[in-house]
Every structure is written in structure tokens, then in C-alpha cells.
Amino acid sequence: MNILRKKHYGSLVGCLLLLLCIYLLTKVSFIFEPFISAFTIVLPPIIIGGALYYLLHPIIDKLDNKNISRKISIWSLFVIILLLLLMGIVLLVPIISDKFSDLITNFPIEFKEWLISVETFMEEKHLNQFKEEFGLISDNLSGEILNISKNSFSYIFSFSKSAASGISIVFMAIVISPIVLYYLLNDGRELLPFLKKPFPKTWQKHIEILLISMNTQLENYVRGQVSIAIIVTLLLLIGLPFVGLKYAIIVAIFSGVMNLIPFLGFYLAIIPALLIAFITGGIPMLVKVSIIYALEQLVEGRFITPLILGRQLKIHPLTVMFVLLAAGKLAGFWGVIFAIPLYTVIKVLVTYLLEIHKNEKLNCQE
């Protein structure tokens, strides 16, 4: 019992010292600013290269198992991807650009016309008391939408200026990511021995188990979310134009991108979709678009997600919601994107450490 008490006191002291260290580091954070700047340059190509590695390495592994040279397989895959990108730029970018320009230019006008029609309806039905309140709300909403549409190109321009000032980050992300991807595909099998080598031999088995488990969780998440997002985009690209929704291509692509955010992504996607449907097509279009999204959710929930992801991540939806809300508050949009992968890694680490602690406690009792 004394031994256990000493261990608990030691753990408590360790936690207090850790909190004290974190507090002291916040007071001298300026020391780490150069390292953080360097980290922000190095991190994007590693993240992009790692995500692409999870998507592409099964193809290379299958070709490798068929005794096809790994380097030839990688270079062939790179050529195919480059050709697909060029085709996408030539064929799809002009279409998407035109549709986006149409949305930015015409939707505010359509929204204003819809507000006028609602006010006219209220006048005809003698709903003057509601008309005044609705008028105030509509003026604010229309003003906000007009400001967004007018400033959207200035936002893009200012983003381009900031990107130009941070050209090193852009260059690293575009040029270095394929290099990172190449070496991961070619030498990925040697990464595990390299990472566990600096640790003492007594730790190496634990490090290996942890790294393999973390890698499996991240791979399942990245491949699953990207695959589901692509399938959802394709389903909506079929369904939304079929019912005649205006700006269907932009809405479908936006919904697919939002689907990368688990659980909350659907709600972030459907709200603007229903708004556009109601304003451009009234209640009939609203009902049609609602049916399309309901069918998409049915297919995704019943077939796509169980088939691709299953229950491998084992994260409760409520946990995901709180993690996403906290990450969004701390780090904005990028926090939401990377919250769940980071959470899965931390969960694997904490679970394994607790398991080791539990085993040690049982051994002490024996």
C-alpha cells in the first residue's frame, strides 16, 4: 500500500511540475517564435505528403507484391496523377470558376428579390406589424450578403498578397510535398526502425506497438474521410442537378469538402444548400433538395461509412463534437480539420500508458 501511495504522490507531483513548466513556457513564448515560424514552413508539405501516402501506398504495395519495381510503380503513378491534374485544370477549373462567379454575382440579387416578394406578400395579407420587423432583419441580411459578394474578390486578392509574402510556405507545400511523398512510398518501411532506434532497447517494443497503432488509426481516418467526401460529392453532383438546383455544382463541391469534418460537416453543408434552394426555387425546390440530402445521408450512413470506416476509430459522436468545438475555438478552421487525427493519436498514447500502468499495479498487488 505504501508503494502505491508513493506512486500516486509521484504522479501528482509530476502533473504539478508539468503544469508549472507549461505556465513558465507561456511567459517566455517569444523565445520559441523563430522555431514556430520554421515549423509552419516545414509542416504543410509533411502533412500533405503524409495524407497522400495513406491514400496511395496500397496501390504501390499491390504492385510491389506482383514483383513490379517499386520505383517504376511510383514514377508511373506520379505521371498518371500529373496527367489527371492537368486534365482537371483544363476541363473542370473553367466550369467551376464560371459557376462560382455566377453565384457571387447573381445570388445577392436573387436574395434581394426574394425579400421584396416576401414584403409584398405581407402587404397583401395585411401583416404590417410583422413587415416592419422583417424589414429590419431583411435589410441586415441583404447588407451582409452584398458585402460578402462585393468583398469576396478583395478577400481573394488579399489572400493572394499574403500568399505572395509567404511564398516560401507555398513553394514548400507545392514542390516539397511530392518529394516527401516519393520517399515515404519508396522508403516507408524503413521509417519504423528509424523512429524507434533512438530509444532504449527496453522501450523499443512499446514504441513499436504505439507507432503501429497510431499509424493504423491515422490511415483509417484519412483514407476513410477522403473516400467518403469524394463519394458524397459525386452523389450530390448527380442528385442536385437532377432536381434542377441552381449553383448545384458549387453546392455539391462545398458539401463534399465540408464532409471532411466528421459529424458536423453535414450540418455545415446543408444549411447554405437549403438557403439557396429556398431562395432560388421556393418551397418545391427546398423539398427536393431536402430529399436529396436525406437520401445521401441514408446511403452514407447505411452503406458507405460502414463499408469504408466501420467502427475502427471507436470515437463517440458526442466526443467528436466537443473535440471539434474546442479545436475550432483554439485554432479556427485548421483546428477543426486536424482535431480528430490529433485526438486519435493522443487517445492511442493515453490508452496504452493506462494499460501499462494497470498491468504494473496488478503486478504490485501480486
Protein backbone atom coordinates (compact mmCIF):
# COMPACT_ATOMS: atom_id res chain seq x y z
CA MET A 1 0.00 0.00 0.00
CA ASN A 2 2.85 2.37 0.85
CA ILE A 3 4.39 1.70 -2.53
CA LEU A 4 1.10 2.54 -4.27
CA ARG A 5 0.72 5.74 -2.23
CA LYS A 6 4.24 6.81 -3.14
CA LYS A 7 3.44 6.18 -6.81
CA HIS A 8 0.27 8.27 -6.57
CA TYR A 9 2.16 11.10 -4.86
CA GLY A 10 4.85 10.86 -7.53
CA SER A 11 2.23 11.07 -10.29
CA LEU A 12 0.61 14.10 -8.61
CA VAL A 13 3.96 15.87 -8.24
CA GLY A 14 4.77 15.06 -11.87
CA CYS A 15 1.47 16.58 -13.06
CA LEU A 16 2.04 19.72 -10.97
CA LEU A 17 5.57 20.09 -12.34
CA LEU A 18 4.25 19.65 -15.89
CA LEU A 19 1.62 22.38 -15.35
CA LEU A 20 4.29 24.64 -13.85
CA CYS A 21 6.54 24.08 -16.88
CA ILE A 22 3.66 24.89 -19.26
CA TYR A 23 2.91 28.09 -17.32
CA LEU A 24 6.57 29.15 -17.42
CA LEU A 25 6.77 28.41 -21.15
CA THR A 26 3.78 30.72 -21.79
CA LYS A 27 5.74 33.53 -20.13
CA VAL A 28 8.75 33.09 -22.44
CA SER A 29 6.83 32.16 -25.60
CA PHE A 30 8.72 34.80 -27.62
CA ILE A 31 11.81 32.57 -27.45
CA PHE A 32 10.03 29.91 -29.49
CA GLU A 33 8.66 32.23 -32.21
CA PRO A 34 11.55 31.55 -34.67
CA PHE A 35 11.08 27.80 -34.18
CA ILE A 36 7.32 28.11 -34.66
CA SER A 37 7.88 30.08 -37.90
CA ALA A 38 10.22 27.37 -39.17
CA PHE A 39 7.74 24.71 -38.08
CA THR A 40 4.90 26.35 -40.05
CA ILE A 41 7.06 26.20 -43.18
CA VAL A 42 8.11 22.58 -42.74
CA LEU A 43 4.79 21.18 -41.50
CA PRO A 44 2.46 21.69 -44.56
CA PRO A 45 4.48 19.55 -47.01
CA ILE A 46 4.83 16.82 -44.38
CA ILE A 47 1.07 16.80 -43.72
CA ILE A 48 0.18 16.84 -47.44
CA GLY A 49 2.79 14.20 -48.27
CA GLY A 50 1.64 12.02 -45.36
CA ALA A 51 -2.04 12.26 -46.31
CA LEU A 52 -1.26 11.36 -49.94
CA TYR A 53 0.92 8.48 -48.72
CA TYR A 54 -2.00 6.97 -46.82
CA LEU A 55 -4.14 7.22 -49.96
CA LEU A 56 -1.61 5.86 -52.46
CA HIS A 57 0.63 3.35 -50.70
CA PRO A 58 -1.87 0.43 -51.02
CA ILE A 59 -1.55 0.72 -54.81
CA ILE A 60 2.26 0.67 -54.65
CA ASP A 61 2.23 -2.25 -52.19
CA LYS A 62 -0.01 -4.31 -54.51
CA LEU A 63 2.26 -3.64 -57.48
CA ASP A 64 5.28 -4.47 -55.31
CA ASN A 65 3.71 -7.82 -54.38
CA LYS A 66 3.43 -8.57 -58.11
CA ASN A 67 7.24 -8.15 -58.41
CA ILE A 68 6.98 -4.80 -60.21
CA SER A 69 9.83 -2.43 -59.34
CA ARG A 70 8.77 -0.06 -56.56
CA LYS A 71 10.46 2.95 -58.18
CA ILE A 72 8.85 2.25 -61.56
CA SER A 73 5.44 1.93 -59.85
CA ILE A 74 5.90 5.23 -58.00
CA TRP A 75 7.03 7.18 -61.07
CA SER A 76 4.22 5.68 -63.17
CA LEU A 77 1.69 6.69 -60.50
CA PHE A 78 3.16 10.21 -60.38
CA VAL A 79 2.80 10.56 -64.16
CA ILE A 80 -0.83 9.39 -64.03
CA ILE A 81 -1.63 11.83 -61.20
CA LEU A 82 0.05 14.69 -63.09
CA LEU A 83 -1.97 13.93 -66.23
CA LEU A 84 -5.20 13.79 -64.20
CA LEU A 85 -4.36 17.13 -62.56
CA LEU A 86 -3.69 18.74 -65.94
CA MET A 87 -6.97 17.38 -67.31
CA GLY A 88 -8.79 18.68 -64.24
CA ILE A 89 -7.23 22.14 -64.62
CA VAL A 90 -8.12 22.31 -68.32
CA LEU A 91 -11.63 20.85 -68.13
CA LEU A 92 -13.01 21.49 -64.64
CA VAL A 93 -11.43 24.72 -63.36
CA PRO A 94 -13.08 26.98 -66.02
CA ILE A 95 -16.51 25.44 -65.30
CA ILE A 96 -16.17 25.77 -61.52
CA SER A 97 -14.80 29.30 -61.88
CA ASP A 98 -17.78 30.36 -64.04
CA LYS A 99 -20.28 28.80 -61.64
CA PHE A 100 -18.63 30.46 -58.64
CA SER A 101 -18.59 33.84 -60.40
CA ASP A 102 -22.28 33.37 -61.26
CA LEU A 103 -23.05 32.61 -57.60
CA ILE A 104 -21.16 35.66 -56.31
CA THR A 105 -22.75 37.98 -58.88
CA ASN A 106 -26.36 36.80 -59.09
CA PHE A 107 -27.26 35.25 -55.74
CA PRO A 108 -27.30 38.58 -53.81
CA ILE A 109 -29.68 39.99 -56.44
CA GLU A 110 -31.93 36.92 -56.19
CA PHE A 111 -31.86 37.18 -52.41
CA LYS A 112 -32.93 40.85 -52.60
CA GLU A 113 -35.77 39.95 -54.99
CA TRP A 114 -36.90 37.19 -52.61
CA LEU A 115 -37.01 39.67 -49.71
CA ILE A 116 -39.11 42.08 -51.80
CA SER A 117 -41.54 39.26 -52.69
CA VAL A 118 -41.92 38.35 -49.00
CA GLU A 119 -42.61 42.00 -48.09
CA THR A 120 -45.17 42.24 -50.92
CA PHE A 121 -46.88 39.10 -49.64
CA MET A 122 -47.08 40.63 -46.14
CA GLU A 123 -48.62 43.82 -47.55
CA GLU A 124 -51.26 41.82 -49.42
CA LYS A 125 -52.12 39.83 -46.29
CA HIS A 126 -52.13 42.98 -44.11
CA LEU A 127 -49.32 41.74 -41.86
CA ASN A 128 -47.87 45.20 -41.26
CA GLN A 129 -46.58 44.56 -37.73
CA PHE A 130 -44.54 41.61 -38.98
CA LYS A 131 -43.47 43.54 -42.05
CA GLU A 132 -41.60 46.17 -40.04
CA GLU A 133 -39.69 43.56 -38.04
CA PHE A 134 -38.99 41.52 -41.16
CA GLY A 135 -37.83 44.70 -42.93
CA LEU A 136 -35.17 45.34 -40.30
CA ILE A 137 -33.96 41.74 -40.43
CA SER A 138 -34.00 41.64 -44.23
CA ASP A 139 -32.04 44.90 -44.52
CA ASN A 140 -29.33 43.50 -42.25
CA LEU A 141 -29.21 40.15 -44.07
CA SER A 142 -29.17 41.64 -47.55
CA GLY A 143 -26.48 44.10 -46.48
CA GLU A 144 -24.31 41.30 -45.14
CA ILE A 145 -24.73 39.17 -48.27
CA LEU A 146 -24.00 42.12 -50.56
CA ASN A 147 -20.88 42.94 -48.53
CA ILE A 148 -19.70 39.33 -48.76
CA SER A 149 -20.24 39.25 -52.52
CA LYS A 150 -18.57 42.62 -53.08
CA ASN A 151 -15.63 41.83 -50.83
CA SER A 152 -15.12 38.23 -51.95
CA PHE A 153 -12.71 39.23 -54.71
CA SER A 154 -10.89 41.60 -52.37
CA TYR A 155 -10.59 38.71 -49.90
CA ILE A 156 -9.11 36.58 -52.66
CA PHE A 157 -6.76 39.42 -53.63
CA SER A 158 -5.65 39.99 -50.04
CA PHE A 159 -5.14 36.24 -49.65
CA SER A 160 -3.02 36.26 -52.80
CA LYS A 161 -0.94 39.11 -51.36
CA SER A 162 -0.41 37.25 -48.09
CA ALA A 163 0.44 34.13 -50.07
CA ALA A 164 2.95 36.12 -52.08
CA SER A 165 4.52 37.46 -48.90
CA GLY A 166 4.68 33.92 -47.58
CA ILE A 167 5.90 32.45 -50.85
CA SER A 168 8.30 30.13 -49.04
CA ILE A 169 5.37 28.27 -47.45
CA VAL A 170 3.55 27.98 -50.78
CA PHE A 171 6.74 26.84 -52.54
CA MET A 172 7.46 24.24 -49.87
CA ALA A 173 3.90 22.89 -49.97
CA ILE A 174 3.76 22.59 -53.77
CA VAL A 175 7.30 21.48 -54.55
CA ILE A 176 8.40 19.58 -51.45
CA SER A 177 5.18 17.59 -50.87
CA PRO A 178 5.76 15.30 -53.90
CA ILE A 179 9.35 14.73 -52.72
CA VAL A 180 8.11 13.81 -49.23
CA LEU A 181 5.50 11.55 -50.82
CA TYR A 182 8.11 9.84 -53.03
CA TYR A 183 10.42 8.97 -50.13
CA LEU A 184 7.51 7.82 -47.97
CA LEU A 185 6.31 5.50 -50.74
CA ASN A 186 9.81 4.26 -51.51
CA ASP A 187 11.32 4.04 -48.01
CA GLY A 188 8.24 3.99 -45.78
CA ARG A 189 9.00 0.50 -44.47
CA GLU A 190 12.29 1.71 -43.02
CA LEU A 191 10.63 4.53 -41.06
CA LEU A 192 9.55 2.42 -38.07
CA PRO A 193 13.04 1.05 -37.27
CA PHE A 194 14.46 4.57 -37.72
CA LEU A 195 11.96 6.15 -35.29
CA LYS A 196 12.37 3.58 -32.52
CA LYS A 197 16.18 3.35 -32.78
CA PRO A 198 16.98 6.40 -30.51
CA PHE A 199 15.03 4.88 -27.60
CA PRO A 200 16.47 2.40 -25.08
CA LYS A 201 16.05 -1.26 -26.03
CA THR A 202 13.65 -1.82 -23.13
CA TRP A 203 11.35 0.85 -24.61
CA GLN A 204 11.59 -0.12 -28.28
CA LYS A 205 8.87 -2.78 -28.17
CA HIS A 206 6.42 -0.32 -26.58
CA ILE A 207 7.39 2.40 -29.10
CA GLU A 208 6.83 -0.03 -31.98
CA ILE A 209 3.36 -1.02 -30.72
CA LEU A 210 2.42 2.64 -30.23
CA LEU A 211 3.65 3.77 -33.66
CA ILE A 212 1.92 0.90 -35.46
CA SER A 213 -1.35 1.60 -33.65
CA MET A 214 -1.14 5.36 -34.31
CA ASN A 215 -0.32 4.76 -37.97
CA THR A 216 -3.28 2.39 -38.35
CA GLN A 217 -5.69 4.87 -36.77
CA LEU A 218 -4.46 7.79 -38.88
CA GLU A 219 -4.54 5.72 -42.07
CA ASN A 220 -8.10 4.55 -41.40
CA TYR A 221 -9.20 8.12 -40.71
CA VAL A 222 -7.51 9.82 -43.68
CA ARG A 223 -8.45 7.19 -46.26
CA GLY A 224 -11.95 6.89 -44.86
CA GLN A 225 -12.78 10.60 -44.72
CA VAL A 226 -11.32 11.39 -48.15
CA SER A 227 -13.08 8.42 -49.76
CA ILE A 228 -16.42 9.32 -48.16
CA ALA A 229 -16.03 13.00 -49.16
CA ILE A 230 -15.36 12.05 -52.80
CA ILE A 231 -18.33 9.66 -52.92
CA VAL A 232 -20.66 12.22 -51.29
CA THR A 233 -19.53 14.87 -53.81
CA LEU A 234 -20.25 12.51 -56.73
CA LEU A 235 -23.68 11.59 -55.33
CA LEU A 236 -24.63 15.25 -54.92
CA LEU A 237 -23.23 16.14 -58.36
CA ILE A 238 -25.77 13.66 -59.72
CA GLY A 239 -28.68 14.44 -57.40
CA LEU A 240 -28.67 18.24 -57.16
CA PRO A 241 -28.54 18.97 -60.93
CA PHE A 242 -31.19 16.24 -61.41
CA VAL A 243 -33.71 18.20 -59.29
CA GLY A 244 -32.69 21.44 -61.03
CA LEU A 245 -30.97 23.28 -58.18
CA LYS A 246 -29.23 26.45 -59.31
CA TYR A 247 -25.50 26.55 -58.47
CA ALA A 248 -25.68 22.76 -57.97
CA ILE A 249 -22.00 22.15 -58.82
CA ILE A 250 -20.71 24.70 -56.28
CA VAL A 251 -23.10 23.40 -53.59
CA ALA A 252 -22.08 19.77 -54.23
CA ILE A 253 -18.34 20.52 -54.09
CA PHE A 254 -18.77 22.62 -50.94
CA SER A 255 -20.75 19.80 -49.31
CA GLY A 256 -18.04 17.29 -50.21
CA VAL A 257 -15.30 19.47 -48.69
CA MET A 258 -17.36 20.02 -45.53
CA ASN A 259 -17.79 16.25 -45.30
CA LEU A 260 -14.10 16.03 -44.38
CA ILE A 261 -15.22 17.35 -40.98
CA PRO A 262 -16.85 14.37 -39.23
CA PHE A 263 -20.45 14.66 -37.95
CA LEU A 264 -20.59 18.49 -38.04
CA GLY A 265 -19.68 18.68 -41.75
CA PHE A 266 -23.15 17.61 -42.91
CA TYR A 267 -24.87 20.41 -40.97
CA LEU A 268 -22.35 22.99 -42.20
CA ALA A 269 -23.09 21.87 -45.77
CA ILE A 270 -26.87 21.54 -45.72
CA ILE A 271 -27.68 24.99 -44.27
CA PRO A 272 -26.39 27.02 -47.28
CA ALA A 273 -27.77 24.37 -49.64
CA LEU A 274 -31.29 24.71 -48.23
CA LEU A 275 -30.99 28.51 -48.17
CA ILE A 276 -30.02 28.60 -51.86
CA ALA A 277 -32.78 26.11 -52.71
CA PHE A 278 -35.48 28.12 -50.93
CA ILE A 279 -34.44 31.50 -52.35
CA THR A 280 -33.92 30.34 -55.95
CA GLY A 281 -36.74 27.79 -56.20
CA GLY A 282 -39.13 28.32 -53.32
CA ILE A 283 -40.69 25.58 -51.21
CA PRO A 284 -40.84 22.98 -54.05
CA MET A 285 -37.06 23.22 -54.57
CA LEU A 286 -36.49 23.23 -50.80
CA VAL A 287 -38.39 19.93 -50.53
CA LYS A 288 -36.49 18.40 -53.46
CA VAL A 289 -33.06 19.37 -52.09
CA SER A 290 -34.06 18.14 -48.62
CA ILE A 291 -34.98 14.76 -50.13
CA ILE A 292 -31.64 14.58 -51.99
CA TYR A 293 -29.67 15.27 -48.79
CA ALA A 294 -31.83 12.82 -46.83
CA LEU A 295 -31.13 10.11 -49.42
CA GLU A 296 -27.42 10.98 -49.39
CA GLN A 297 -27.34 10.65 -45.59
CA LEU A 298 -29.20 7.34 -45.79
CA VAL A 299 -26.77 5.91 -48.34
CA GLU A 300 -23.76 7.30 -46.47
CA GLY A 301 -24.91 6.07 -43.05
CA ARG A 302 -26.17 2.65 -44.14
CA PHE A 303 -23.62 1.65 -46.76
CA ILE A 304 -20.67 3.99 -47.40
CA THR A 305 -19.43 4.73 -43.86
CA PRO A 306 -19.81 1.15 -42.51
CA LEU A 307 -18.09 -0.22 -45.62
CA ILE A 308 -15.16 2.22 -45.60
CA LEU A 309 -14.67 3.19 -41.95
CA GLY A 310 -16.68 0.64 -39.99
CA ARG A 311 -16.19 1.23 -36.29
CA GLN A 312 -12.40 1.25 -36.40
CA LEU A 313 -11.94 4.71 -34.84
CA LYS A 314 -14.25 3.91 -31.90
CA ILE A 315 -14.96 7.57 -31.08
CA HIS A 316 -18.36 8.56 -29.71
CA PRO A 317 -20.13 11.29 -31.74
CA LEU A 318 -20.51 13.45 -28.62
CA THR A 319 -16.75 13.25 -28.00
CA VAL A 320 -16.12 14.26 -31.61
CA MET A 321 -18.44 17.26 -31.25
CA PHE A 322 -16.72 18.56 -28.12
CA VAL A 323 -13.25 17.98 -29.62
CA LEU A 324 -14.22 19.88 -32.79
CA LEU A 325 -15.76 22.77 -30.85
CA ALA A 326 -12.69 23.10 -28.63
CA ALA A 327 -10.29 22.84 -31.57
CA GLY A 328 -12.28 25.40 -33.56
CA LYS A 329 -12.12 27.84 -30.66
CA LEU A 330 -8.36 27.35 -30.19
CA ALA A 331 -7.15 27.09 -33.80
CA GLY A 332 -10.02 28.05 -36.10
CA PHE A 333 -10.74 26.17 -39.34
CA TRP A 334 -7.45 24.25 -39.38
CA GLY A 335 -8.03 23.20 -35.79
CA VAL A 336 -11.33 21.62 -36.85
CA ILE A 337 -9.63 19.81 -39.75
CA PHE A 338 -6.78 18.32 -37.70
CA ALA A 339 -8.59 17.88 -34.36
CA ILE A 340 -9.75 14.29 -34.84
CA PRO A 341 -6.44 12.91 -36.22
CA LEU A 342 -4.61 14.52 -33.30
CA TYR A 343 -7.21 13.22 -30.86
CA THR A 344 -6.85 9.65 -32.19
CA VAL A 345 -3.06 9.79 -31.72
CA ILE A 346 -3.39 11.14 -28.17
CA LYS A 347 -6.07 8.56 -27.40
CA VAL A 348 -3.82 5.69 -28.53
CA LEU A 349 -0.95 7.02 -26.41
CA VAL A 350 -3.04 7.59 -23.27
CA THR A 351 -4.84 4.23 -23.60
CA TYR A 352 -1.57 2.36 -23.95
CA LEU A 353 0.04 4.18 -20.99
CA LEU A 354 -3.01 3.45 -18.81
CA GLU A 355 -2.85 -0.20 -19.82
CA ILE A 356 0.83 -0.38 -18.82
CA HIS A 357 0.04 1.36 -15.51
CA LYS A 358 -2.81 -1.10 -14.86
CA ASN A 359 -0.56 -4.09 -15.53
CA GLU A 360 2.14 -2.70 -13.22
CA LYS A 361 -0.47 -2.12 -10.49
CA LEU A 362 -1.68 -5.74 -10.78
CA ASN A 363 1.91 -6.98 -10.61
CA CYS A 364 2.50 -4.95 -7.42
CA GLN A 365 -0.63 -6.40 -5.80
CA GLU A 366 0.53 -9.90 -6.61
